[in-house]
Amino acid sequence: QGQLVESGGGLVQPGGSLRLSCLASESIFTFYYMGWYRQSHGKQRDLVAYIGRNGTTNYVDSAKGRFTISRDNAKNRLYLQMNGLRPEDTAVYYCNALNDCGPMASWGPGTQVTVSM
């Protein structure tokens, strides 16, 4: 059974930055694509960005130009650098492996990001 542990969330003012980190077990990190999801209160969990083992990246429109996803394959770590944060970015952020059918592993605890004055 693989594990995912997210960290790096917190409270930040609008326009601020945070860097999220995800430590994945090797059995999960061997999957080709890794991604960051987020879930706001009362809403479904949505994919924000994903990255292939070769470094190719994809972002939802709201994240383009503000968020940067990266990975360290040697350390089984996934990162999300978030700049220019907005109140609507407030959510619990999760990482997971994914394929065309969606997320592939059991979810970790997530990390709370709150953007507020």
N, C-alpha and C. Protein backbone atom coordinates (compact mmCIF):
# COMPACT_ATOMS: atom_id res chain seq x y z
N GLN A 1 0.85 -1.19 0.00
CA GLN A 1 0.00 0.00 0.00
C GLN A 1 0.88 1.23 0.00
N GLY A 2 0.72 2.08 -1.00
CA GLY A 2 1.54 3.27 -1.07
C GLY A 2 1.03 4.36 -0.16
N GLN A 3 1.87 5.35 0.07
CA GLN A 3 1.50 6.47 0.92
C GLN A 3 1.84 7.79 0.27
N LEU A 4 1.01 8.77 0.59
CA LEU A 4 1.21 10.14 0.14
C LEU A 4 1.10 11.06 1.34
N VAL A 5 2.06 11.96 1.49
CA VAL A 5 2.02 12.91 2.60
C VAL A 5 2.32 14.29 2.04
N GLU A 6 1.34 15.17 2.18
CA GLU A 6 1.49 16.54 1.70
C GLU A 6 1.87 17.48 2.85
N SER A 7 2.59 18.55 2.52
CA SER A 7 2.97 19.54 3.51
C SER A 7 3.20 20.88 2.83
N GLY A 8 3.35 21.92 3.66
CA GLY A 8 3.68 23.24 3.13
C GLY A 8 2.55 24.23 3.07
N GLY A 9 1.34 23.80 3.41
CA GLY A 9 0.22 24.73 3.39
C GLY A 9 0.29 25.73 4.53
N GLY A 10 -0.65 26.65 4.53
CA GLY A 10 -0.70 27.64 5.59
C GLY A 10 -1.62 28.78 5.23
N LEU A 11 -1.56 29.81 6.07
CA LEU A 11 -2.36 31.02 5.86
C LEU A 11 -1.48 32.08 5.20
N VAL A 12 -1.95 32.64 4.12
CA VAL A 12 -1.17 33.64 3.39
C VAL A 12 -2.11 34.73 2.88
N GLN A 13 -1.60 35.94 2.78
CA GLN A 13 -2.41 37.04 2.27
C GLN A 13 -2.51 36.96 0.74
N PRO A 14 -3.56 37.55 0.19
CA PRO A 14 -3.66 37.60 -1.28
C PRO A 14 -2.39 38.19 -1.90
N GLY A 15 -1.94 37.56 -2.97
CA GLY A 15 -0.70 37.96 -3.61
C GLY A 15 0.52 37.25 -3.09
N GLY A 16 0.38 36.51 -2.01
CA GLY A 16 1.49 35.81 -1.40
C GLY A 16 1.83 34.50 -2.12
N SER A 17 2.81 33.81 -1.56
CA SER A 17 3.32 32.58 -2.17
C SER A 17 3.42 31.47 -1.13
N LEU A 18 3.30 30.25 -1.62
CA LEU A 18 3.53 29.06 -0.83
C LEU A 18 4.15 28.00 -1.71
N ARG A 19 4.92 27.12 -1.11
CA ARG A 19 5.48 25.98 -1.83
C ARG A 19 5.01 24.71 -1.13
N LEU A 20 4.21 23.94 -1.83
CA LEU A 20 3.73 22.68 -1.30
C LEU A 20 4.68 21.55 -1.68
N SER A 21 4.75 20.56 -0.81
CA SER A 21 5.60 19.41 -1.04
C SER A 21 4.81 18.13 -0.79
N CYS A 22 5.10 17.12 -1.56
CA CYS A 22 4.45 15.82 -1.41
C CYS A 22 5.52 14.75 -1.41
N LEU A 23 5.52 13.93 -0.37
CA LEU A 23 6.41 12.78 -0.31
C LEU A 23 5.57 11.55 -0.63
N ALA A 24 5.97 10.83 -1.66
CA ALA A 24 5.23 9.66 -2.09
C ALA A 24 6.08 8.41 -1.91
N SER A 25 5.44 7.31 -1.60
CA SER A 25 6.16 6.05 -1.56
C SER A 25 6.59 5.69 -2.98
N GLU A 26 7.64 4.90 -3.06
CA GLU A 26 8.21 4.60 -4.37
C GLU A 26 7.20 3.88 -5.26
N SER A 27 6.34 3.06 -4.67
CA SER A 27 5.36 2.32 -5.46
C SER A 27 4.39 3.26 -6.16
N ILE A 28 4.17 4.44 -5.60
CA ILE A 28 3.30 5.43 -6.24
C ILE A 28 4.10 6.30 -7.21
N PHE A 29 5.26 6.71 -6.81
CA PHE A 29 6.03 7.66 -7.62
C PHE A 29 6.53 7.05 -8.92
N THR A 30 6.51 5.72 -9.03
CA THR A 30 6.92 5.09 -10.28
C THR A 30 5.91 5.28 -11.39
N PHE A 31 4.67 5.64 -11.03
CA PHE A 31 3.69 5.93 -12.07
C PHE A 31 4.17 7.15 -12.87
N TYR A 32 3.80 7.19 -14.12
CA TYR A 32 4.39 8.21 -15.00
C TYR A 32 3.98 9.62 -14.61
N TYR A 33 2.67 9.82 -14.37
CA TYR A 33 2.18 11.16 -14.08
C TYR A 33 1.90 11.33 -12.59
N MET A 34 2.29 12.47 -12.05
CA MET A 34 1.95 12.89 -10.70
C MET A 34 1.27 14.24 -10.79
N GLY A 35 0.30 14.45 -9.91
CA GLY A 35 -0.44 15.71 -10.00
C GLY A 35 -0.84 16.26 -8.65
N TRP A 36 -1.24 17.51 -8.67
CA TRP A 36 -1.80 18.19 -7.50
C TRP A 36 -3.29 18.43 -7.76
N TYR A 37 -4.08 18.10 -6.75
CA TYR A 37 -5.52 18.34 -6.76
C TYR A 37 -5.85 19.29 -5.62
N ARG A 38 -7.03 19.89 -5.68
CA ARG A 38 -7.49 20.69 -4.56
C ARG A 38 -8.99 20.55 -4.40
N GLN A 39 -9.41 20.70 -3.15
CA GLN A 39 -10.83 20.59 -2.84
C GLN A 39 -11.23 21.72 -1.90
N SER A 40 -12.10 22.59 -2.39
CA SER A 40 -12.64 23.65 -1.57
C SER A 40 -13.83 23.11 -0.79
N HIS A 41 -14.17 23.81 0.27
CA HIS A 41 -15.26 23.36 1.14
C HIS A 41 -16.55 23.22 0.32
N GLY A 42 -17.14 22.02 0.37
CA GLY A 42 -18.41 21.78 -0.29
C GLY A 42 -18.33 21.53 -1.77
N LYS A 43 -17.12 21.46 -2.31
CA LYS A 43 -16.95 21.26 -3.75
C LYS A 43 -16.20 19.96 -4.03
N GLN A 44 -16.20 19.54 -5.26
CA GLN A 44 -15.49 18.33 -5.63
C GLN A 44 -13.99 18.58 -5.71
N ARG A 45 -13.23 17.50 -5.66
CA ARG A 45 -11.78 17.58 -5.75
C ARG A 45 -11.39 17.68 -7.22
N ASP A 46 -10.63 18.69 -7.56
CA ASP A 46 -10.27 18.95 -8.95
C ASP A 46 -8.76 18.92 -9.17
N LEU A 47 -8.37 18.47 -10.33
CA LEU A 47 -6.95 18.48 -10.72
C LEU A 47 -6.51 19.91 -11.01
N VAL A 48 -5.35 20.28 -10.49
CA VAL A 48 -4.81 21.62 -10.69
C VAL A 48 -3.66 21.61 -11.70
N ALA A 49 -2.77 20.63 -11.56
CA ALA A 49 -1.61 20.53 -12.42
C ALA A 49 -1.07 19.12 -12.36
N TYR A 50 -0.39 18.68 -13.43
CA TYR A 50 0.27 17.39 -13.38
C TYR A 50 1.55 17.44 -14.20
N ILE A 51 2.44 16.47 -13.91
CA ILE A 51 3.75 16.45 -14.52
C ILE A 51 4.15 15.02 -14.84
N GLY A 52 4.76 14.81 -16.01
CA GLY A 52 5.26 13.50 -16.38
C GLY A 52 6.66 13.27 -15.83
N ARG A 53 7.10 12.03 -15.89
CA ARG A 53 8.44 11.72 -15.39
C ARG A 53 9.50 12.46 -16.19
N ASN A 54 9.18 12.81 -17.43
CA ASN A 54 10.15 13.53 -18.27
C ASN A 54 10.07 15.05 -18.06
N GLY A 55 9.19 15.49 -17.17
CA GLY A 55 9.11 16.91 -16.85
C GLY A 55 8.06 17.70 -17.60
N THR A 56 7.35 17.06 -18.50
CA THR A 56 6.29 17.78 -19.21
C THR A 56 5.17 18.13 -18.23
N THR A 57 4.64 19.34 -18.34
CA THR A 57 3.67 19.83 -17.36
C THR A 57 2.37 20.28 -18.03
N ASN A 58 1.30 20.23 -17.23
CA ASN A 58 0.01 20.72 -17.67
C ASN A 58 -0.69 21.40 -16.49
N TYR A 59 -1.41 22.49 -16.77
CA TYR A 59 -2.07 23.26 -15.74
C TYR A 59 -3.51 23.59 -16.15
N VAL A 60 -4.39 23.69 -15.16
CA VAL A 60 -5.69 24.25 -15.45
C VAL A 60 -5.51 25.75 -15.70
N ASP A 61 -6.47 26.33 -16.40
CA ASP A 61 -6.31 27.73 -16.80
C ASP A 61 -6.06 28.66 -15.62
N SER A 62 -6.74 28.42 -14.50
CA SER A 62 -6.61 29.32 -13.36
C SER A 62 -5.23 29.26 -12.72
N ALA A 63 -4.46 28.22 -13.00
CA ALA A 63 -3.14 28.06 -12.41
C ALA A 63 -2.01 28.51 -13.35
N LYS A 64 -2.31 28.63 -14.61
CA LYS A 64 -1.28 29.00 -15.58
C LYS A 64 -0.69 30.37 -15.26
N GLY A 65 0.64 30.45 -15.27
CA GLY A 65 1.32 31.70 -15.00
C GLY A 65 1.52 32.02 -13.54
N ARG A 66 0.85 31.26 -12.66
CA ARG A 66 0.98 31.50 -11.22
C ARG A 66 1.58 30.31 -10.48
N PHE A 67 1.23 29.10 -10.89
CA PHE A 67 1.69 27.89 -10.22
C PHE A 67 2.73 27.19 -11.09
N THR A 68 3.69 26.54 -10.42
CA THR A 68 4.70 25.73 -11.11
C THR A 68 4.82 24.39 -10.41
N ILE A 69 4.56 23.32 -11.16
CA ILE A 69 4.70 21.97 -10.62
C ILE A 69 6.07 21.43 -11.00
N SER A 70 6.68 20.69 -10.09
CA SER A 70 7.98 20.08 -10.36
C SER A 70 8.09 18.79 -9.56
N ARG A 71 9.08 17.99 -9.90
CA ARG A 71 9.27 16.72 -9.21
C ARG A 71 10.75 16.38 -9.12
N ASP A 72 11.08 15.66 -8.05
CA ASP A 72 12.42 15.15 -7.86
C ASP A 72 12.31 13.63 -7.84
N ASN A 73 12.60 13.00 -8.95
CA ASN A 73 12.41 11.56 -9.07
C ASN A 73 13.34 10.77 -8.13
N ALA A 74 14.47 11.33 -7.80
CA ALA A 74 15.42 10.64 -6.91
C ALA A 74 14.92 10.62 -5.48
N LYS A 75 14.12 11.63 -5.12
CA LYS A 75 13.64 11.74 -3.74
C LYS A 75 12.17 11.38 -3.58
N ASN A 76 11.52 11.00 -4.69
CA ASN A 76 10.07 10.68 -4.66
C ASN A 76 9.26 11.86 -4.15
N ARG A 77 9.64 13.06 -4.55
CA ARG A 77 8.96 14.27 -4.08
C ARG A 77 8.34 15.04 -5.24
N LEU A 78 7.18 15.58 -4.97
CA LEU A 78 6.44 16.42 -5.89
C LEU A 78 6.26 17.76 -5.24
N TYR A 79 6.35 18.84 -6.02
CA TYR A 79 6.25 20.19 -5.48
C TYR A 79 5.23 21.01 -6.27
N LEU A 80 4.70 22.01 -5.59
CA LEU A 80 3.85 22.99 -6.26
C LEU A 80 4.19 24.36 -5.71
N GLN A 81 4.85 25.17 -6.52
CA GLN A 81 5.14 26.55 -6.17
C GLN A 81 3.95 27.39 -6.59
N MET A 82 3.36 28.08 -5.63
CA MET A 82 2.16 28.89 -5.90
C MET A 82 2.47 30.34 -5.60
N ASN A 83 2.39 31.16 -6.61
CA ASN A 83 2.60 32.60 -6.50
C ASN A 83 1.32 33.35 -6.84
N GLY A 84 1.25 34.59 -6.42
CA GLY A 84 0.06 35.37 -6.73
C GLY A 84 -1.22 34.75 -6.24
N LEU A 85 -1.18 34.22 -5.02
CA LEU A 85 -2.34 33.49 -4.50
C LEU A 85 -3.56 34.39 -4.35
N ARG A 86 -4.72 33.80 -4.60
CA ARG A 86 -6.01 34.49 -4.54
C ARG A 86 -6.91 33.82 -3.52
N PRO A 87 -7.89 34.53 -2.99
CA PRO A 87 -8.82 33.88 -2.05
C PRO A 87 -9.46 32.61 -2.64
N GLU A 88 -9.70 32.60 -3.92
CA GLU A 88 -10.33 31.41 -4.53
C GLU A 88 -9.40 30.21 -4.63
N ASP A 89 -8.12 30.39 -4.29
CA ASP A 89 -7.19 29.26 -4.21
C ASP A 89 -7.29 28.54 -2.87
N THR A 90 -8.06 29.09 -1.96
CA THR A 90 -8.24 28.45 -0.65
C THR A 90 -8.86 27.07 -0.81
N ALA A 91 -8.17 26.06 -0.29
CA ALA A 91 -8.61 24.67 -0.46
C ALA A 91 -7.65 23.77 0.30
N VAL A 92 -8.03 22.51 0.40
CA VAL A 92 -7.10 21.47 0.83
C VAL A 92 -6.46 20.91 -0.44
N TYR A 93 -5.14 20.88 -0.46
CA TYR A 93 -4.39 20.43 -1.62
C TYR A 93 -3.88 19.01 -1.38
N TYR A 94 -4.04 18.17 -2.40
CA TYR A 94 -3.62 16.78 -2.35
C TYR A 94 -2.75 16.45 -3.55
N CYS A 95 -1.87 15.48 -3.38
CA CYS A 95 -1.10 14.97 -4.51
C CYS A 95 -1.52 13.54 -4.78
N ASN A 96 -1.28 13.08 -5.99
CA ASN A 96 -1.59 11.70 -6.34
C ASN A 96 -0.97 11.38 -7.68
N ALA A 97 -0.77 10.11 -7.93
CA ALA A 97 -0.46 9.63 -9.27
C ALA A 97 -1.77 9.63 -10.07
N LEU A 98 -1.65 9.75 -11.37
CA LEU A 98 -2.86 9.76 -12.19
C LEU A 98 -2.60 9.17 -13.55
N ASN A 99 -3.69 8.68 -14.15
CA ASN A 99 -3.65 8.27 -15.54
C ASN A 99 -4.92 8.78 -16.21
N ASP A 100 -5.25 8.25 -17.36
CA ASP A 100 -6.42 8.76 -18.09
C ASP A 100 -7.72 8.52 -17.32
N CYS A 101 -7.71 7.58 -16.39
CA CYS A 101 -8.92 7.30 -15.63
C CYS A 101 -9.03 8.13 -14.37
N GLY A 102 -7.97 8.87 -14.03
CA GLY A 102 -8.00 9.72 -12.85
C GLY A 102 -6.97 9.33 -11.82
N PRO A 103 -7.17 9.73 -10.56
CA PRO A 103 -6.19 9.42 -9.51
C PRO A 103 -6.09 7.93 -9.26
N MET A 104 -4.89 7.49 -8.87
CA MET A 104 -4.61 6.06 -8.85
C MET A 104 -4.37 5.48 -7.47
N ALA A 105 -4.04 6.31 -6.49
CA ALA A 105 -3.68 5.79 -5.17
C ALA A 105 -4.65 6.32 -4.12
N SER A 106 -4.57 5.74 -2.93
CA SER A 106 -5.35 6.24 -1.82
C SER A 106 -4.88 7.64 -1.47
N TRP A 107 -5.80 8.50 -1.09
CA TRP A 107 -5.46 9.88 -0.80
C TRP A 107 -4.71 10.02 0.52
N GLY A 108 -3.79 10.98 0.54
CA GLY A 108 -3.15 11.37 1.78
C GLY A 108 -4.01 12.35 2.56
N PRO A 109 -3.48 12.92 3.63
CA PRO A 109 -4.27 13.83 4.46
C PRO A 109 -4.50 15.20 3.84
N GLY A 110 -3.67 15.56 2.85
CA GLY A 110 -3.77 16.88 2.25
C GLY A 110 -3.14 17.94 3.13
N THR A 111 -3.01 19.13 2.56
CA THR A 111 -2.48 20.27 3.29
C THR A 111 -3.37 21.48 3.00
N GLN A 112 -3.76 22.18 4.07
CA GLN A 112 -4.71 23.29 3.94
C GLN A 112 -4.00 24.55 3.49
N VAL A 113 -4.53 25.17 2.47
CA VAL A 113 -4.06 26.48 2.01
C VAL A 113 -5.21 27.47 2.19
N THR A 114 -4.95 28.52 2.94
CA THR A 114 -5.95 29.55 3.16
C THR A 114 -5.39 30.89 2.72
N VAL A 115 -6.08 31.54 1.81
CA VAL A 115 -5.66 32.84 1.30
C VAL A 115 -6.66 33.88 1.77
N SER A 116 -6.22 34.73 2.69
CA SER A 116 -7.13 35.68 3.31
C SER A 116 -6.36 36.84 3.89
N MET A 117 -7.04 38.00 4.01
CA MET A 117 -6.40 39.16 4.63
C MET A 117 -6.23 38.93 6.10
